[in-house]
PDB file of N, CA and C in Angstrom:
ATOM      1  N   MET A   1      69.190 114.181 110.114  1.00  0.00           N
ATOM      2  CA  MET A   1      68.099 113.467 111.413  1.00  0.00           C
ATOM      3  C   MET A   1      66.678 113.470 111.824  1.00  0.00           C
ATOM      4  N   THR A   2      65.999 112.582 111.213  1.00  0.00           N
ATOM      5  CA  THR A   2      64.826 112.257 111.441  1.00  0.00           C
ATOM      6  C   THR A   2      64.022 112.099 112.464  1.00  0.00           C
ATOM      7  N   THR A   3      63.326 112.532 113.705  1.00  0.00           N
ATOM      8  CA  THR A   3      62.847 112.394 114.768  1.00  0.00           C
ATOM      9  C   THR A   3      60.895 112.198 114.240  1.00  0.00           C
ATOM     10  N   ARG A   4      60.608 110.795 114.759  1.00  0.00           N
ATOM     11  CA  ARG A   4      59.408 110.881 115.028  1.00  0.00           C
ATOM     12  C   ARG A   4      58.727 110.811 116.059  1.00  0.00           C
ATOM     13  N   THR A   5      57.608 111.213 115.710  1.00  0.00           N
ATOM     14  CA  THR A   5      56.545 111.526 117.361  1.00  0.00           C
ATOM     15  C   THR A   5      55.491 109.876 117.056  1.00  0.00           C
ATOM     16  N   VAL A   6      55.740 109.097 118.370  1.00  0.00           N
ATOM     17  CA  VAL A   6      54.662 108.470 118.521  1.00  0.00           C
ATOM     18  C   VAL A   6      52.987 108.939 118.206  1.00  0.00           C
ATOM     19  N   ASP A   7      52.189 108.708 117.838  1.00  0.00           N
ATOM     20  CA  ASP A   7      51.163 109.353 117.974  1.00  0.00           C
ATOM     21  C   ASP A   7      50.295 108.577 119.556  1.00  0.00           C
ATOM     22  N   PRO A   8      49.663 110.114 119.864  1.00  0.00           N
ATOM     23  CA  PRO A   8      49.540 109.091 121.781  1.00  0.00           C
ATOM     24  C   PRO A   8      48.251 108.209 121.573  1.00  0.00           C
ATOM     25  N   THR A   9      47.461 108.243 120.315  1.00  0.00           N
ATOM     26  CA  THR A   9      46.347 106.977 120.848  1.00  0.00           C
ATOM     27  C   THR A   9      47.478 105.742 119.655  1.00  0.00           C
ATOM     28  N   VAL A  10      48.571 105.973 119.341  1.00  0.00           N
ATOM     29  CA  VAL A  10      48.929 104.059 119.409  1.00  0.00           C
ATOM     30  C   VAL A  10      49.382 103.606 120.736  1.00  0.00           C
ATOM     31  N   GLN A  11      50.617 104.815 121.004  1.00  0.00           N
ATOM     32  CA  GLN A  11      51.172 104.593 122.620  1.00  0.00           C
ATOM     33  C   GLN A  11      49.461 103.998 123.412  1.00  0.00           C
ATOM     34  N   GLN A  12      48.929 104.497 123.283  1.00  0.00           N
ATOM     35  CA  GLN A  12      47.876 104.567 124.582  1.00  0.00           C
ATOM     36  C   GLN A  12      46.869 102.627 123.929  1.00  0.00           C
ATOM     37  N   ILE A  13      47.551 102.243 122.999  1.00  0.00           N
ATOM     38  CA  ILE A  13      46.747 101.219 122.286  1.00  0.00           C
ATOM     39  C   ILE A  13      47.574 100.297 123.029  1.00  0.00           C
ATOM     40  N   ALA A  14      48.761 101.188 122.230  1.00  0.00           N
ATOM     41  CA  ALA A  14      49.871  99.953 122.987  1.00  0.00           C
ATOM     42  C   ALA A  14      50.535  99.758 124.415  1.00  0.00           C
ATOM     43  N   ASP A  15      49.687 100.501 125.349  1.00  0.00           N
ATOM     44  CA  ASP A  15      49.884 100.805 126.431  1.00  0.00           C
ATOM     45  C   ASP A  15      48.689  99.406 126.933  1.00  0.00           C
ATOM     46  N   ASP A  16      47.381  99.955 126.342  1.00  0.00           N
ATOM     47  CA  ASP A  16      46.719  98.658 126.856  1.00  0.00           C
ATOM     48  C   ASP A  16      46.455  97.467 126.615  1.00  0.00           C
ATOM     49  N   LEU A  17      47.273  96.892 124.701  1.00  0.00           N
ATOM     50  CA  LEU A  17      47.386  95.659 124.668  1.00  0.00           C
ATOM     51  C   LEU A  17      48.097  94.784 126.215  1.00  0.00           C
ATOM     52  N   HIS A  18      49.290  95.722 126.210  1.00  0.00           N
ATOM     53  CA  HIS A  18      50.907  95.364 127.301  1.00  0.00           C
ATOM     54  C   HIS A  18      49.559  94.753 128.600  1.00  0.00           C
ATOM     55  N   ASP A  19      48.751  95.471 128.901  1.00  0.00           N
ATOM     56  CA  ASP A  19      47.605  95.508 130.083  1.00  0.00           C
ATOM     57  C   ASP A  19      46.993  93.987 130.089  1.00  0.00           C
ATOM     58  N   LEU A  20      46.073  93.880 128.999  1.00  0.00           N
ATOM     59  CA  LEU A  20      45.389  93.007 128.876  1.00  0.00           C
ATOM     60  C   LEU A  20      46.545  91.325 128.674  1.00  0.00           C
ATOM     61  N   ARG A  21      47.792  91.725 127.681  1.00  0.00           N
ATOM     62  CA  ARG A  21      48.218  90.664 128.293  1.00  0.00           C
ATOM     63  C   ARG A  21      49.599  89.942 129.528  1.00  0.00           C
ATOM     64  N   VAL A  22      49.232  91.289 129.589  1.00  0.00           N
ATOM     65  CA  VAL A  22      49.861  90.792 131.765  1.00  0.00           C
ATOM     66  C   VAL A  22      48.199  90.093 132.611  1.00  0.00           C
ATOM     67  N   GLN A  23      47.717  90.489 131.953  1.00  0.00           N
ATOM     68  CA  GLN A  23      46.106  90.188 133.041  1.00  0.00           C
ATOM     69  C   GLN A  23      45.882  88.434 131.920  1.00  0.00           C
ATOM     70  N   LEU A  24      45.959  88.216 130.784  1.00  0.00           N
ATOM     71  CA  LEU A  24      45.607  87.039 130.439  1.00  0.00           C
ATOM     72  C   LEU A  24      46.796  86.176 131.102  1.00  0.00           C
ATOM     73  N   VAL A  25      47.896  86.060 131.257  1.00  0.00           N
ATOM     74  CA  VAL A  25      49.070  85.859 132.673  1.00  0.00           C
ATOM     75  C   VAL A  25      48.474  85.356 133.424  1.00  0.00           C
ATOM     76  N   ARG A  26      47.961  86.683 134.289  1.00  0.00           N
ATOM     77  CA  ARG A  26      47.390  86.622 135.503  1.00  0.00           C
ATOM     78  C   ARG A  26      46.278  85.390 135.766  1.00  0.00           C
ATOM     79  N   LEU A  27      45.266  85.988 134.842  1.00  0.00           N
ATOM     80  CA  LEU A  27      44.091  84.786 134.531  1.00  0.00           C
ATOM     81  C   LEU A  27      44.643  83.462 134.387  1.00  0.00           C
ATOM     82  N   GLY A  28      45.343  82.763 133.810  1.00  0.00           N
ATOM     83  CA  GLY A  28      45.860  81.592 133.424  1.00  0.00           C
ATOM     84  C   GLY A  28      46.445  81.017 134.701  1.00  0.00           C
ATOM     85  N   ASN A  29      47.155  81.961 135.177  1.00  0.00           N
ATOM     86  CA  ASN A  29      47.565  81.268 136.201  1.00  0.00           C
ATOM     87  C   ASN A  29      46.441  81.398 137.500  1.00  0.00           C
ATOM     88  N   GLU A  30      45.514  82.479 137.551  1.00  0.00           N
ATOM     89  CA  GLU A  30      44.315  81.942 138.412  1.00  0.00           C
ATOM     90  C   GLU A  30      44.099  80.752 138.063  1.00  0.00           C
ATOM     91  N   THR A  31      43.215  80.465 136.696  1.00  0.00           N
ATOM     92  CA  THR A  31      42.894  79.090 135.934  1.00  0.00           C
ATOM     93  C   THR A  31      43.598  78.343 136.900  1.00  0.00           C
ATOM     94  N   VAL A  32      44.705  77.800 136.498  1.00  0.00           N
ATOM     95  CA  VAL A  32      45.343  76.398 136.588  1.00  0.00           C
ATOM     96  C   VAL A  32      45.617  76.314 138.111  1.00  0.00           C
ATOM     97  N   ASP A  33      45.317  77.942 138.731  1.00  0.00           N
ATOM     98  CA  ASP A  33      45.623  77.042 140.685  1.00  0.00           C
ATOM     99  C   ASP A  33      44.288  76.904 141.185  1.00  0.00           C
ATOM    100  N   ALA A  34      43.129  77.614 140.823  1.00  0.00           N
ATOM    101  CA  ALA A  34      42.044  76.878 140.576  1.00  0.00           C
ATOM    102  C   ALA A  34      41.593  75.579 140.542  1.00  0.00           C
ATOM    103  N   THR A  35      42.142  75.363 138.878  1.00  0.00           N
ATOM    104  CA  THR A  35      42.004  73.936 138.796  1.00  0.00           C
ATOM    105  C   THR A  35      42.877  72.652 139.502  1.00  0.00           C
ATOM    106  N   LEU A  36      43.632  72.805 139.956  1.00  0.00           N
ATOM    107  CA  LEU A  36      44.955  71.974 140.763  1.00  0.00           C
ATOM    108  C   LEU A  36      43.926  72.208 142.169  1.00  0.00           C
ATOM    109  N   ASP A  37      43.646  73.127 142.454  1.00  0.00           N
ATOM    110  CA  ASP A  37      43.098  73.310 144.366  1.00  0.00           C
ATOM    111  C   ASP A  37      41.317  71.821 143.935  1.00  0.00           C
ATOM    112  N   ALA A  38      40.888  72.181 143.207  1.00  0.00           N
ATOM    113  CA  ALA A  38      39.443  71.243 142.704  1.00  0.00           C
ATOM    114  C   ALA A  38      39.646  70.273 142.686  1.00  0.00           C
ATOM    115  N   TRP A  39      41.141  69.576 141.957  1.00  0.00           N
ATOM    116  CA  TRP A  39      41.005  67.724 141.680  1.00  0.00           C
ATOM    117  C   TRP A  39      42.064  67.338 143.101  1.00  0.00           C
ATOM    118  N   ARG A  40      42.466  68.722 143.223  1.00  0.00           N
ATOM    119  CA  ARG A  40      43.089  67.696 144.921  1.00  0.00           C
ATOM    120  C   ARG A  40      42.321  67.680 146.069  1.00  0.00           C
ATOM    121  N   ALA A  41      40.871  68.822 145.936  1.00  0.00           N
ATOM    122  CA  ALA A  41      39.878  68.481 146.818  1.00  0.00           C
ATOM    123  C   ALA A  41      39.888  67.134 146.439  1.00  0.00           C
ATOM    124  N   ARG A  42      38.618  67.019 145.230  1.00  0.00           N
ATOM    125  CA  ARG A  42      38.027  65.528 145.252  1.00  0.00           C
ATOM    126  C   ARG A  42      39.166  64.066 145.742  1.00  0.00           C
ATOM    127  N   ILE A  43      40.443  64.582 145.088  1.00  0.00           N
ATOM    128  CA  ILE A  43      41.251  63.227 146.206  1.00  0.00           C
ATOM    129  C   ILE A  43      41.265  63.115 147.073  1.00  0.00           C
ATOM    130  N   ASP A  44      41.269  64.350 147.708  1.00  0.00           N
ATOM    131  CA  ASP A  44      41.074  64.117 149.524  1.00  0.00           C
ATOM    132  C   ASP A  44      39.812  64.316 149.914  1.00  0.00           C
ATOM    133  N   SER A  45      38.639  64.091 149.297  1.00  0.00           N
ATOM    134  CA  SER A  45      38.126  63.343 149.407  1.00  0.00           C
ATOM    135  C   SER A  45      37.988  62.290 149.769  1.00  0.00           C
ATOM    136  N   LEU A  46      38.035  62.231 148.160  1.00  0.00           N
ATOM    137  CA  LEU A  46      38.134  59.839 148.387  1.00  0.00           C
ATOM    138  C   LEU A  46      39.293  59.736 149.052  1.00  0.00           C
ATOM    139  N   VAL A  47      40.246  60.048 149.875  1.00  0.00           N
ATOM    140  CA  VAL A  47      41.085  59.458 150.722  1.00  0.00           C
ATOM    141  C   VAL A  47      39.932  59.049 152.290  1.00  0.00           C
ATOM    142  N   VAL A  48      39.351  60.324 152.325  1.00  0.00           N
ATOM    143  CA  VAL A  48      38.478  60.013 153.524  1.00  0.00           C
ATOM    144  C   VAL A  48      37.634  59.046 153.334  1.00  0.00           C
ATOM    145  N   GLN A  49      37.188  59.182 152.101  1.00  0.00           N
ATOM    146  CA  GLN A  49      35.618  58.165 151.717  1.00  0.00           C
ATOM    147  C   GLN A  49      35.954  56.624 152.721  1.00  0.00           C
ATOM    148  N   ALA A  50      37.540  56.873 151.595  1.00  0.00           N
ATOM    149  CA  ALA A  50      37.894  55.674 151.937  1.00  0.00           C
ATOM    150  C   ALA A  50      38.676  54.865 152.951  1.00  0.00           C
ATOM    151  N   ASP A  51      39.403  56.261 154.186  1.00  0.00           N
ATOM    152  CA  ASP A  51      39.119  56.106 154.824  1.00  0.00           C
ATOM    153  C   ASP A  51      38.392  55.457 156.437  1.00  0.00           C
ATOM    154  N   LEU A  52      37.250  56.242 155.650  1.00  0.00           N
ATOM    155  CA  LEU A  52      36.017  56.290 156.807  1.00  0.00           C
ATOM    156  C   LEU A  52      35.328  55.118 156.777  1.00  0.00           C
ATOM    157  N   ALA A  53      35.119  54.233 155.687  1.00  0.00           N
ATOM    158  CA  ALA A  53      34.719  53.605 155.342  1.00  0.00           C
ATOM    159  C   ALA A  53      35.830  52.201 155.379  1.00  0.00           C
ATOM    160  N   ARG A  54      37.053  52.248 155.574  1.00  0.00           N
ATOM    161  CA  ARG A  54      37.612  51.130 156.178  1.00  0.00           C
ATOM    162  C   ARG A  54      37.930  50.103 155.258  1.00  0.00           C
ATOM    163  N   LEU A  55      38.314  51.356 153.983  1.00  0.00           N
ATOM    164  CA  LEU A  55      38.501  50.339 152.848  1.00  0.00           C
ATOM    165  C   LEU A  55      39.788  50.758 152.146  1.00  0.00           C
ATOM    166  N   ASP A  56      40.325  52.346 153.148  1.00  0.00           N
ATOM    167  CA  ASP A  56      42.123  52.092 152.371  1.00  0.00           C
ATOM    168  C   ASP A  56      42.755  51.104 153.019  1.00  0.00           C
ATOM    169  N   GLY A  57      42.548  50.307 153.667  1.00  0.00           N
ATOM    170  CA  GLY A  57      43.707  49.428 153.636  1.00  0.00           C
ATOM    171  C   GLY A  57      43.740  48.136 152.388  1.00  0.00           C
ATOM    172  N   ARG A  58      42.766  48.188 151.520  1.00  0.00           N
ATOM    173  CA  ARG A  58      42.357  47.615 150.197  1.00  0.00           C
ATOM    174  C   ARG A  58      43.373  47.665 149.363  1.00  0.00           C
ATOM    175  N   ASP A  59      44.529  46.933 148.529  1.00  0.00           N
ATOM    176  CA  ASP A  59      45.035  46.902 147.794  1.00  0.00           C
ATOM    177  C   ASP A  59      44.897  48.024 146.443  1.00  0.00           C
ATOM    178  N   GLU A  60      44.084  47.288 145.705  1.00  0.00           N
ATOM    179  CA  GLU A  60      43.367  47.905 144.319  1.00  0.00           C
ATOM    180  C   GLU A  60      42.551  49.430 145.061  1.00  0.00           C
ATOM    181  N   VAL A  61      42.113  50.120 146.233  1.00  0.00           N
ATOM    182  CA  VAL A  61      41.734  51.109 146.273  1.00  0.00           C
ATOM    183  C   VAL A  61      43.101  52.059 146.638  1.00  0.00           C
ATOM    184  N   GLN A  62      43.578  50.999 147.991  1.00  0.00           N
ATOM    185  CA  GLN A  62      45.399  51.988 148.638  1.00  0.00           C
ATOM    186  C   GLN A  62      45.525  52.414 146.607  1.00  0.00           C
ATOM    187  N   ALA A  63      45.715  51.638 146.163  1.00  0.00           N
ATOM    188  CA  ALA A  63      47.108  52.041 144.321  1.00  0.00           C
ATOM    189  C   ALA A  63      45.747  52.858 143.761  1.00  0.00           C
ATOM    190  N   SER A  64      44.556  52.478 143.476  1.00  0.00           N
ATOM    191  CA  SER A  64      44.224  53.987 142.609  1.00  0.00           C
ATOM    192  C   SER A  64      43.927  55.248 143.232  1.00  0.00           C
ATOM    193  N   LEU A  65      44.043  55.799 144.436  1.00  0.00           N
ATOM    194  CA  LEU A  65      44.484  56.632 145.396  1.00  0.00           C
ATOM    195  C   LEU A  65      45.463  57.021 145.245  1.00  0.00           C
ATOM    196  N   ALA A  66      46.534  56.137 145.398  1.00  0.00           N
ATOM    197  CA  ALA A  66      48.089  56.516 144.882  1.00  0.00           C
ATOM    198  C   ALA A  66      48.063  57.217 143.837  1.00  0.00           C
ATOM    199  N   GLU A  67      47.822  56.148 142.678  1.00  0.00           N
ATOM    200  CA  GLU A  67      47.981  57.088 141.413  1.00  0.00           C
ATOM    201  C   GLU A  67      47.222  57.960 140.825  1.00  0.00           C
ATOM    202  N   ALA A  68      46.182  58.154 141.494  1.00  0.00           N
ATOM    203  CA  ALA A  68      44.803  59.494 141.540  1.00  0.00           C
ATOM    204  C   ALA A  68      46.098  60.956 142.297  1.00  0.00           C
ATOM    205  N   ASP A  69      47.226  60.525 142.970  1.00  0.00           N
ATOM    206  CA  ASP A  69      47.987  61.288 143.903  1.00  0.00           C
ATOM    207  C   ASP A  69      49.142  61.692 142.726  1.00  0.00           C
ATOM    208  N   ARG A  70      49.734  60.957 142.080  1.00  0.00           N
ATOM    209  CA  ARG A  70      50.981  60.784 141.589  1.00  0.00           C
ATOM    210  C   ARG A  70      50.974  61.394 140.335  1.00  0.00           C
ATOM    211  N   VAL A  71      49.397  60.908 139.610  1.00  0.00           N
ATOM    212  CA  VAL A  71      48.788  62.812 138.291  1.00  0.00           C
ATOM    213  C   VAL A  71      48.569  63.791 138.696  1.00  0.00           C
ATOM    214  N   TRP A  72      48.053  63.687 140.035  1.00  0.00           N
ATOM    215  CA  TRP A  72      48.003  64.712 140.760  1.00  0.00           C
ATOM    216  C   TRP A  72      49.067  65.970 140.280  1.00  0.00           C
ATOM    217  N   ARG A  73      50.308  65.308 141.020  1.00  0.00           N
ATOM    218  CA  ARG A  73      51.186  66.109 141.942  1.00  0.00           C
ATOM    219  C   ARG A  73      51.925  65.764 140.522  1.00  0.00           C
ATOM    220  N   TRP A  74      51.941  65.288 139.435  1.00  0.00           N
ATOM    221  CA  TRP A  74      52.783  65.415 137.334  1.00  0.00           C
ATOM    222  C   TRP A  74      52.359  66.130 137.047  1.00  0.00           C
ATOM    223  N   THR A  75      50.861  66.365 137.121  1.00  0.00           N
ATOM    224  CA  THR A  75      49.895  67.745 136.204  1.00  0.00           C
ATOM    225  C   THR A  75      50.191  68.719 136.483  1.00  0.00           C
ATOM    226  N   ARG A  76      50.965  68.839 137.917  1.00  0.00           N
ATOM    227  CA  ARG A  76      51.253  70.410 138.689  1.00  0.00           C
ATOM    228  C   ARG A  76      52.511  70.638 138.639  1.00  0.00           C
ATOM    229  N   ASP A  77      53.834  69.592 139.055  1.00  0.00           N
ATOM    230  CA  ASP A  77      54.854  70.081 138.045  1.00  0.00           C
ATOM    231  C   ASP A  77      54.590  71.157 136.874  1.00  0.00           C
ATOM    232  N   ARG A  78      54.385  70.142 135.963  1.00  0.00           N
ATOM    233  CA  ARG A  78      53.811  69.946 134.639  1.00  0.00           C
ATOM    234  C   ARG A  78      53.416  71.192 134.128  1.00  0.00           C
ATOM    235  N   LEU A  79      51.998  71.734 135.260  1.00  0.00           N
ATOM    236  CA  LEU A  79      51.800  72.670 134.561  1.00  0.00           C
ATOM    237  C   LEU A  79      52.603  74.144 135.489  1.00  0.00           C
ATOM    238  N   LEU A  80      53.157  73.765 136.443  1.00  0.00           N
ATOM    239  CA  LEU A  80      54.003  75.033 137.245  1.00  0.00           C
ATOM    240  C   LEU A  80      55.111  75.629 136.439  1.00  0.00           C
ATOM    241  N   ALA A  81      55.543  74.457 135.605  1.00  0.00           N
ATOM    242  CA  ALA A  81      56.541  74.582 135.243  1.00  0.00           C
ATOM    243  C   ALA A  81      56.058  75.532 133.795  1.00  0.00           C
ATOM    244  N   ARG A  82      55.212  75.802 133.298  1.00  0.00           N
ATOM    245  CA  ARG A  82      54.635  76.144 131.725  1.00  0.00           C
ATOM    246  C   ARG A  82      53.890  77.788 132.620  1.00  0.00           C
ATOM    247  N   ARG A  83      54.695  78.204 134.186  1.00  0.00           N
ATOM    248  CA  ARG A  83      53.999  79.770 133.747  1.00  0.00           C
ATOM    249  C   ARG A  83      55.197  80.545 133.700  1.00  0.00           C
ATOM    250  N   GLY A  84      55.242  81.694 133.093  1.00  0.00           N
ATOM    251  CA  GLY A  84      55.501  82.982 132.915  1.00  0.00           C
ATOM    252  C   GLY A  84      55.175  83.546 132.550  1.00  0.00           C
ATOM    253  N   ASN A  85      55.701  84.983 131.630  1.00  0.00           N
ATOM    254  CA  ASN A  85      55.732  86.836 132.481  1.00  0.00           C
ATOM    255  C   ASN A  85      54.846  86.901 131.332  1.00  0.00           C
ATOM    256  N   ASP A  86      54.435  86.050 130.004  1.00  0.00           N
ATOM    257  CA  ASP A  86      54.482  86.564 128.939  1.00  0.00           C
ATOM    258  C   ASP A  86      52.725  86.073 128.527  1.00  0.00           C
ATOM    259  N   ALA A  87      51.686  86.006 127.445  1.00  0.00           N
ATOM    260  CA  ALA A  87      50.499  85.941 127.568  1.00  0.00           C
ATOM    261  C   ALA A  87      50.759  84.646 126.234  1.00  0.00           C
ATOM    262  N   ALA A  88      52.130  84.014 125.792  1.00  0.00           N
ATOM    263  CA  ALA A  88      52.328  82.613 125.048  1.00  0.00           C
ATOM    264  C   ALA A  88      51.918  82.112 125.963  1.00  0.00           C
ATOM    265  N   ALA A  89      52.760  82.411 127.031  1.00  0.00           N
ATOM    266  CA  ALA A  89      53.060  81.293 128.193  1.00  0.00           C
ATOM    267  C   ALA A  89      51.910  81.503 129.389  1.00  0.00           C
ATOM    268  N   GLY A  90      50.781  82.292 129.411  1.00  0.00           N
ATOM    269  CA  GLY A  90      49.226  82.410 129.738  1.00  0.00           C
ATOM    270  C   GLY A  90      48.701  81.429 128.367  1.00  0.00           C
ATOM    271  N   GLU A  91      48.446  81.491 127.251  1.00  0.00           N
ATOM    272  CA  GLU A  91      47.883  80.636 126.513  1.00  0.00           C
ATOM    273  C   GLU A  91      48.523  78.757 126.850  1.00  0.00           C
ATOM    274  N   ALA A  92      48.966  78.258 126.735  1.00  0.00           N
ATOM    275  CA  ALA A  92      50.120  77.499 127.685  1.00  0.00           C
ATOM    276  C   ALA A  92      49.629  77.456 128.297  1.00  0.00           C
ATOM    277  N   LEU A  93      49.592  77.463 129.408  1.00  0.00           N
ATOM    278  CA  LEU A  93      49.303  77.070 130.627  1.00  0.00           C
ATOM    279  C   LEU A  93      47.968  76.542 130.189  1.00  0.00           C
ATOM    280  N   ILE A  94      46.880  77.256 130.244  1.00  0.00           N
ATOM    281  CA  ILE A  94      45.814  77.312 129.884  1.00  0.00           C
ATOM    282  C   ILE A  94      45.308  75.726 129.329  1.00  0.00           C
ATOM    283  N   GLU A  95      46.108  75.755 127.598  1.00  0.00           N
ATOM    284  CA  GLU A  95      46.112  74.762 127.200  1.00  0.00           C
ATOM    285  C   GLU A  95      46.701  73.701 128.048  1.00  0.00           C
ATOM    286  N   GLY A  96      47.806  73.679 129.029  1.00  0.00           N
ATOM    287  CA  GLY A  96      48.144  72.572 129.848  1.00  0.00           C
ATOM    288  C   GLY A  96      46.972  72.430 130.387  1.00  0.00           C
ATOM    289  N   VAL A  97      46.321  72.544 131.365  1.00  0.00           N
ATOM    290  CA  VAL A  97      44.591  72.455 132.241  1.00  0.00           C
ATOM    291  C   VAL A  97      43.890  71.987 131.124  1.00  0.00           C
ATOM    292  N   ARG A  98      43.961  72.157 129.962  1.00  0.00           N
ATOM    293  CA  ARG A  98      42.767  71.140 129.075  1.00  0.00           C
ATOM    294  C   ARG A  98      42.987  70.306 129.463  1.00  0.00           C
ATOM    295  N   ALA A  99      44.265  70.047 128.555  1.00  0.00           N
ATOM    296  CA  ALA A  99      45.190  68.306 128.843  1.00  0.00           C
ATOM    297  C   ALA A  99      44.652  67.534 129.922  1.00  0.00           C
ATOM    298  N   ALA A 100      45.577  68.001 130.552  1.00  0.00           N
ATOM    299  CA  ALA A 100      46.081  67.324 131.645  1.00  0.00           C
ATOM    300  C   ALA A 100      44.308  67.020 132.974  1.00  0.00           C
ATOM    301  N   ARG A 101      43.081  67.344 132.170  1.00  0.00           N
ATOM    302  CA  ARG A 101      41.722  67.941 132.956  1.00  0.00           C
ATOM    303  C   ARG A 101      41.562  65.659 132.407  1.00  0.00           C
ATOM    304  N   ALA A 102      42.238  65.391 131.034  1.00  0.00           N
ATOM    305  CA  ALA A 102      41.846  64.524 130.961  1.00  0.00           C
ATOM    306  C   ALA A 102      42.692  63.232 131.886  1.00  0.00           C
ATOM    307  N   ASP A 103      43.478  63.489 132.143  1.00  0.00           N
ATOM    308  CA  ASP A 103      44.894  62.392 132.366  1.00  0.00           C
ATOM    309  C   ASP A 103      44.120  62.993 134.058  1.00  0.00           C
ATOM    310  N   LEU A 104      43.695  63.332 134.456  1.00  0.00           N
ATOM    311  CA  LEU A 104      43.398  63.625 136.245  1.00  0.00           C
ATOM    312  C   LEU A 104      41.719  62.985 136.261  1.00  0.00           C
ATOM    313  N   ALA A 105      40.532  63.427 135.495  1.00  0.00           N
ATOM    314  CA  ALA A 105      39.400  62.681 135.085  1.00  0.00           C
ATOM    315  C   ALA A 105      40.294  61.255 135.451  1.00  0.00           C
ATOM    316  N   ALA A 106      40.965  60.590 134.729  1.00  0.00           N
ATOM    317  CA  ALA A 106      40.842  59.413 134.332  1.00  0.00           C
ATOM    318  C   ALA A 106      41.501  58.347 135.643  1.00  0.00           C
ATOM    319  N   ALA A 107      41.920  59.695 135.972  1.00  0.00           N
ATOM    320  CA  ALA A 107      43.152  58.962 137.417  1.00  0.00           C
ATOM    321  C   ALA A 107      41.652  58.780 139.083  1.00  0.00           C
ATOM    322  N   VAL A 108      41.215  59.666 138.660  1.00  0.00           N
ATOM    323  CA  VAL A 108      40.373  60.570 139.560  1.00  0.00           C
ATOM    324  C   VAL A 108      39.003  59.935 139.393  1.00  0.00           C
ATOM    325  N   ASP A 109      38.387  58.870 138.368  1.00  0.00           N
ATOM    326  CA  ASP A 109      37.415  57.957 137.952  1.00  0.00           C
ATOM    327  C   ASP A 109      38.081  56.851 138.761  1.00  0.00           C
ATOM    328  N   LEU A 110      38.980  55.682 138.332  1.00  0.00           N
ATOM    329  CA  LEU A 110      39.645  54.410 138.424  1.00  0.00           C
ATOM    330  C   LEU A 110      39.150  55.084 140.003  1.00  0.00           C
ATOM    331  N   ALA A 111      39.559  55.869 140.817  1.00  0.00           N
ATOM    332  CA  ALA A 111      39.593  55.601 142.138  1.00  0.00           C
ATOM    333  C   ALA A 111      38.262  55.651 142.775  1.00  0.00           C
ATOM    334  N   GLU A 112      36.984  56.425 141.956  1.00  0.00           N
ATOM    335  CA  GLU A 112      36.071  56.213 143.271  1.00  0.00           C
ATOM    336  C   GLU A 112      35.423  54.917 142.428  1.00  0.00           C
ATOM    337  N   GLU A 113      35.934  54.553 141.010  1.00  0.00           N
ATOM    338  CA  GLU A 113      35.229  53.011 140.430  1.00  0.00           C
ATOM    339  C   GLU A 113      35.383  51.936 141.465  1.00  0.00           C
ATOM    340  N   GLN A 114      37.468  52.185 142.115  1.00  0.00           N
ATOM    341  CA  GLN A 114      37.216  50.651 143.493  1.00  0.00           C
ATOM    342  C   GLN A 114      37.183  51.451 144.227  1.00  0.00           C
ATOM    343  N   LEU A 115      36.937  52.785 144.351  1.00  0.00           N
ATOM    344  CA  LEU A 115      36.315  52.448 146.086  1.00  0.00           C
ATOM    345  C   LEU A 115      34.635  52.046 146.280  1.00  0.00           C
ATOM    346  N   ALA A 116      34.035  52.336 145.167  1.00  0.00           N
ATOM    347  CA  ALA A 116      32.484  52.047 144.346  1.00  0.00           C
ATOM    348  C   ALA A 116      32.639  49.797 144.796  1.00  0.00           C
ATOM    349  N   ALA A 117      33.717  49.598 143.793  1.00  0.00           N
ATOM    350  CA  ALA A 117      33.537  47.889 143.988  1.00  0.00           C
ATOM    351  C   ALA A 117      33.672  47.945 145.415  1.00  0.00           C
ATOM    352  N   ALA A 118      35.190  48.818 145.861  1.00  0.00           N
ATOM    353  CA  ALA A 118      35.249  47.781 147.039  1.00  0.00           C
ATOM    354  C   ALA A 118      34.031  48.007 148.754  1.00  0.00           C
ATOM    355  N   ARG A 119      33.260  48.537 148.416  1.00  0.00           N
ATOM    356  CA  ARG A 119      31.855  49.269 149.289  1.00  0.00           C
ATOM    357  C   ARG A 119      31.179  48.176 149.263  1.00  0.00           C
ATOM    358  N   ARG A 120      30.854  47.423 148.206  1.00  0.00           N
ATOM    359  CA  ARG A 120      30.129  45.719 147.870  1.00  0.00           C
ATOM    360  C   ARG A 120      30.171  44.867 148.687  1.00  0.00           C
TER     361      ARG A 120
END
C-alpha cells in the first residue's frame, strides 16, 4: 500500500482557490442585494413623486407603478432563488442580475414616462 503525501504548496493553492470561490459567492450575493436595493429606491421615489404631484390616482400612472413593483418583486424572487454556496451559483446570480436589469429598466422607464406625461 502506497501513501501519497500532498505537497503543501498544492494544498495551499487548493485552500486559496476555495477561499476565492467563497468570496465570489459572497460578492455575488452583495451585488444582488445592492442592485435590488437601488431599483427598489428608484421605484419608491417614483411612488412618492406621483403622490406629491397627486398623480397616483390616474389609472395609467398607477398601472405603470404597479407593473414596476411587480417586475421588481418577480426579479427579486428569481434572483434569491438562484443563491447558493458554490461558485457556479455566484456566477449564475451575477448573470441573473445582468438579465434582470433590462426588465427592471423597461418597467421603471415606463413608469417614469407615464408620470412625466401625467404632469403635463
